[in-house]
Amino acid sequence: MPHETRFLVPRMNAVTHWPIVSAVLLGVVYLGPLVLLLPHRAKRNAPYVGIVAALVLAGMWVERWWLVMPSLGKPLAFGLPEAAGILALLTGGLLFIRWASRIRHENQPQSV
């Protein structure tokens, strides 16, 4: 299926550093959650599951970057636009957690 896999060539070229990103993505997005959430106790610990989910979310952002940047013909680089994207993602996540925490505390029944 050459027409479906053509986009992988620039990402697997050993001259660039994109294969390193590919290996990190394989570990973080696909194998990481499998291994980290394998123990039964890990799935019952909400903060731990939240950290794993944040790791996967960050990995998915890097995957989108990995899909777009080599097709633009640009070398592997991390600059201000990438840092701003990560900062925006983290800020949005923290705002959501704060909002969800506030809603959760408002809806808790009052103890007598």
C-alpha atoms as a PDB file:
ATOM      1  CA  MET A   1       0.000   0.000   0.000  1.00  0.00           C
ATOM      2  CA  PRO A   2       2.554   2.622  -1.085  1.00  0.00           C
ATOM      3  CA  HIS A   3       0.034   5.462  -1.376  1.00  0.00           C
ATOM      4  CA  GLU A   4      -1.090   4.923   2.229  1.00  0.00           C
ATOM      5  CA  THR A   5       2.361   4.659   3.764  1.00  0.00           C
ATOM      6  CA  ARG A   6       4.201   7.276   1.722  1.00  0.00           C
ATOM      7  CA  PHE A   7       4.072   9.811   4.557  1.00  0.00           C
ATOM      8  CA  LEU A   8       6.190   7.549   6.792  1.00  0.00           C
ATOM      9  CA  VAL A   9       9.333   7.874   4.655  1.00  0.00           C
ATOM     10  CA  PRO A  10      10.393  11.361   5.859  1.00  0.00           C
ATOM     11  CA  ARG A  11       9.725  10.314   9.446  1.00  0.00           C
ATOM     12  CA  MET A  12      11.843   7.158   9.265  1.00  0.00           C
ATOM     13  CA  ASN A  13      14.804   8.734   7.433  1.00  0.00           C
ATOM     14  CA  ALA A  14      17.915   8.047   9.509  1.00  0.00           C
ATOM     15  CA  VAL A  15      19.496  11.357   8.418  1.00  0.00           C
ATOM     16  CA  THR A  16      16.939  13.357  10.381  1.00  0.00           C
ATOM     17  CA  HIS A  17      16.030  13.004  14.048  1.00  0.00           C
ATOM     18  CA  TRP A  18      12.420  12.037  13.315  1.00  0.00           C
ATOM     19  CA  PRO A  19      13.017   8.302  14.036  1.00  0.00           C
ATOM     20  CA  ILE A  20      13.805   9.282  17.644  1.00  0.00           C
ATOM     21  CA  VAL A  21      10.431  11.024  17.902  1.00  0.00           C
ATOM     22  CA  SER A  22       8.802   7.950  16.348  1.00  0.00           C
ATOM     23  CA  ALA A  23      10.313   5.661  18.978  1.00  0.00           C
ATOM     24  CA  VAL A  24       9.285   7.995  21.817  1.00  0.00           C
ATOM     25  CA  LEU A  25       5.734   8.133  20.469  1.00  0.00           C
ATOM     26  CA  LEU A  26       5.555   4.361  20.268  1.00  0.00           C
ATOM     27  CA  GLY A  27       6.559   4.156  23.919  1.00  0.00           C
ATOM     28  CA  VAL A  28       4.452   7.015  25.274  1.00  0.00           C
ATOM     29  CA  VAL A  29       1.199   6.720  23.341  1.00  0.00           C
ATOM     30  CA  TYR A  30       0.885   3.024  22.625  1.00  0.00           C
ATOM     31  CA  LEU A  31       3.018   0.895  24.941  1.00  0.00           C
ATOM     32  CA  GLY A  32       3.188   3.261  27.931  1.00  0.00           C
ATOM     33  CA  PRO A  33      -0.493   3.150  28.932  1.00  0.00           C
ATOM     34  CA  LEU A  34      -0.590  -0.610  28.448  1.00  0.00           C
ATOM     35  CA  VAL A  35       2.324  -1.202  30.793  1.00  0.00           C
ATOM     36  CA  LEU A  36       1.501   1.567  33.279  1.00  0.00           C
ATOM     37  CA  LEU A  37      -2.139   0.538  33.678  1.00  0.00           C
ATOM     38  CA  LEU A  38      -1.555  -3.202  33.754  1.00  0.00           C
ATOM     39  CA  PRO A  39      -1.599  -3.593  37.558  1.00  0.00           C
ATOM     40  CA  HIS A  40      -5.049  -3.710  39.134  1.00  0.00           C
ATOM     41  CA  ARG A  41      -4.081  -1.188  41.831  1.00  0.00           C
ATOM     42  CA  ALA A  42      -2.951   1.339  39.207  1.00  0.00           C
ATOM     43  CA  LYS A  43      -6.411   1.459  37.649  1.00  0.00           C
ATOM     44  CA  ARG A  44      -8.001   2.176  41.015  1.00  0.00           C
ATOM     45  CA  ASN A  45      -5.751   5.147  41.830  1.00  0.00           C
ATOM     46  CA  ALA A  46      -7.404   8.232  40.297  1.00  0.00           C
ATOM     47  CA  PRO A  47      -4.374  10.564  40.485  1.00  0.00           C
ATOM     48  CA  TYR A  48      -2.188   7.910  38.859  1.00  0.00           C
ATOM     49  CA  VAL A  49      -4.693   7.352  36.052  1.00  0.00           C
ATOM     50  CA  GLY A  50      -4.865  11.127  35.599  1.00  0.00           C
ATOM     51  CA  ILE A  51      -1.098  11.338  35.212  1.00  0.00           C
ATOM     52  CA  VAL A  52      -1.127   8.515  32.658  1.00  0.00           C
ATOM     53  CA  ALA A  53      -3.970  10.243  30.787  1.00  0.00           C
ATOM     54  CA  ALA A  54      -2.026  13.529  30.753  1.00  0.00           C
ATOM     55  CA  LEU A  55       1.020  11.684  29.432  1.00  0.00           C
ATOM     56  CA  VAL A  56      -1.048  10.140  26.637  1.00  0.00           C
ATOM     57  CA  LEU A  57      -2.620  13.514  25.831  1.00  0.00           C
ATOM     58  CA  ALA A  58       0.815  15.113  25.577  1.00  0.00           C
ATOM     59  CA  GLY A  59       1.950  12.205  23.410  1.00  0.00           C
ATOM     60  CA  MET A  60      -1.025  12.692  21.101  1.00  0.00           C
ATOM     61  CA  TRP A  61      -0.081  16.360  20.717  1.00  0.00           C
ATOM     62  CA  VAL A  62       3.468  15.333  19.807  1.00  0.00           C
ATOM     63  CA  GLU A  63       2.029  12.801  17.346  1.00  0.00           C
ATOM     64  CA  ARG A  64       0.078  15.523  15.534  1.00  0.00           C
ATOM     65  CA  TRP A  65       3.269  17.588  15.383  1.00  0.00           C
ATOM     66  CA  TRP A  66       5.110  14.501  14.086  1.00  0.00           C
ATOM     67  CA  LEU A  67       2.503  14.043  11.360  1.00  0.00           C
ATOM     68  CA  VAL A  68       2.623  17.650  10.118  1.00  0.00           C
ATOM     69  CA  MET A  69       6.187  18.956  10.442  1.00  0.00           C
ATOM     70  CA  PRO A  70       8.106  16.522   8.200  1.00  0.00           C
ATOM     71  CA  SER A  71       5.568  17.013   5.402  1.00  0.00           C
ATOM     72  CA  LEU A  72       6.403  20.736   5.452  1.00  0.00           C
ATOM     73  CA  GLY A  73      10.042  19.882   4.773  1.00  0.00           C
ATOM     74  CA  LYS A  74      11.249  21.433   8.006  1.00  0.00           C
ATOM     75  CA  PRO A  75      13.982  19.848  10.131  1.00  0.00           C
ATOM     76  CA  LEU A  76      13.340  18.664  13.651  1.00  0.00           C
ATOM     77  CA  ALA A  77      13.193  21.810  15.758  1.00  0.00           C
ATOM     78  CA  PHE A  78      11.529  22.897  18.955  1.00  0.00           C
ATOM     79  CA  GLY A  79      10.926  26.592  19.273  1.00  0.00           C
ATOM     80  CA  LEU A  80       8.522  29.219  20.539  1.00  0.00           C
ATOM     81  CA  PRO A  81       5.439  27.986  18.604  1.00  0.00           C
ATOM     82  CA  GLU A  82       5.834  24.472  19.994  1.00  0.00           C
ATOM     83  CA  ALA A  83       6.410  25.765  23.526  1.00  0.00           C
ATOM     84  CA  ALA A  84       3.344  28.014  23.217  1.00  0.00           C
ATOM     85  CA  GLY A  85       1.251  25.026  22.133  1.00  0.00           C
ATOM     86  CA  ILE A  86       2.356  23.010  25.143  1.00  0.00           C
ATOM     87  CA  LEU A  87       1.724  25.956  27.468  1.00  0.00           C
ATOM     88  CA  ALA A  88      -1.770  26.415  26.011  1.00  0.00           C
ATOM     89  CA  LEU A  89      -2.510  22.708  26.440  1.00  0.00           C
ATOM     90  CA  LEU A  90      -1.333  22.712  30.053  1.00  0.00           C
ATOM     91  CA  THR A  91      -3.230  25.898  30.858  1.00  0.00           C
ATOM     92  CA  GLY A  92      -6.428  24.512  29.363  1.00  0.00           C
ATOM     93  CA  GLY A  93      -6.017  21.290  31.306  1.00  0.00           C
ATOM     94  CA  LEU A  94      -5.451  23.092  34.593  1.00  0.00           C
ATOM     95  CA  LEU A  95      -8.446  25.368  34.003  1.00  0.00           C
ATOM     96  CA  PHE A  96     -10.609  22.337  33.277  1.00  0.00           C
ATOM     97  CA  ILE A  97      -9.432  20.579  36.438  1.00  0.00           C
ATOM     98  CA  ARG A  98     -10.175  23.695  38.480  1.00  0.00           C
ATOM     99  CA  TRP A  99     -13.639  24.015  36.934  1.00  0.00           C
ATOM    100  CA  ALA A 100     -14.441  20.317  37.428  1.00  0.00           C
ATOM    101  CA  SER A 101     -13.244  20.469  41.035  1.00  0.00           C
ATOM    102  CA  ARG A 102     -15.471  23.473  41.729  1.00  0.00           C
ATOM    103  CA  ILE A 103     -18.516  21.753  40.177  1.00  0.00           C
ATOM    104  CA  ARG A 104     -17.802  18.578  42.167  1.00  0.00           C
ATOM    105  CA  HIS A 105     -17.608  20.467  45.470  1.00  0.00           C
ATOM    106  CA  GLU A 106     -20.822  22.383  44.733  1.00  0.00           C
ATOM    107  CA  ASN A 107     -22.739  19.184  44.040  1.00  0.00           C
ATOM    108  CA  GLN A 108     -21.610  17.289  47.128  1.00  0.00           C
ATOM    109  CA  PRO A 109     -24.362  16.753  49.684  1.00  0.00           C
ATOM    110  CA  GLN A 110     -24.021  18.774  52.869  1.00  0.00           C
ATOM    111  CA  SER A 111     -23.343  16.638  55.948  1.00  0.00           C
ATOM    112  CA  VAL A 112     -25.492  17.325  58.988  1.00  0.00           C
END
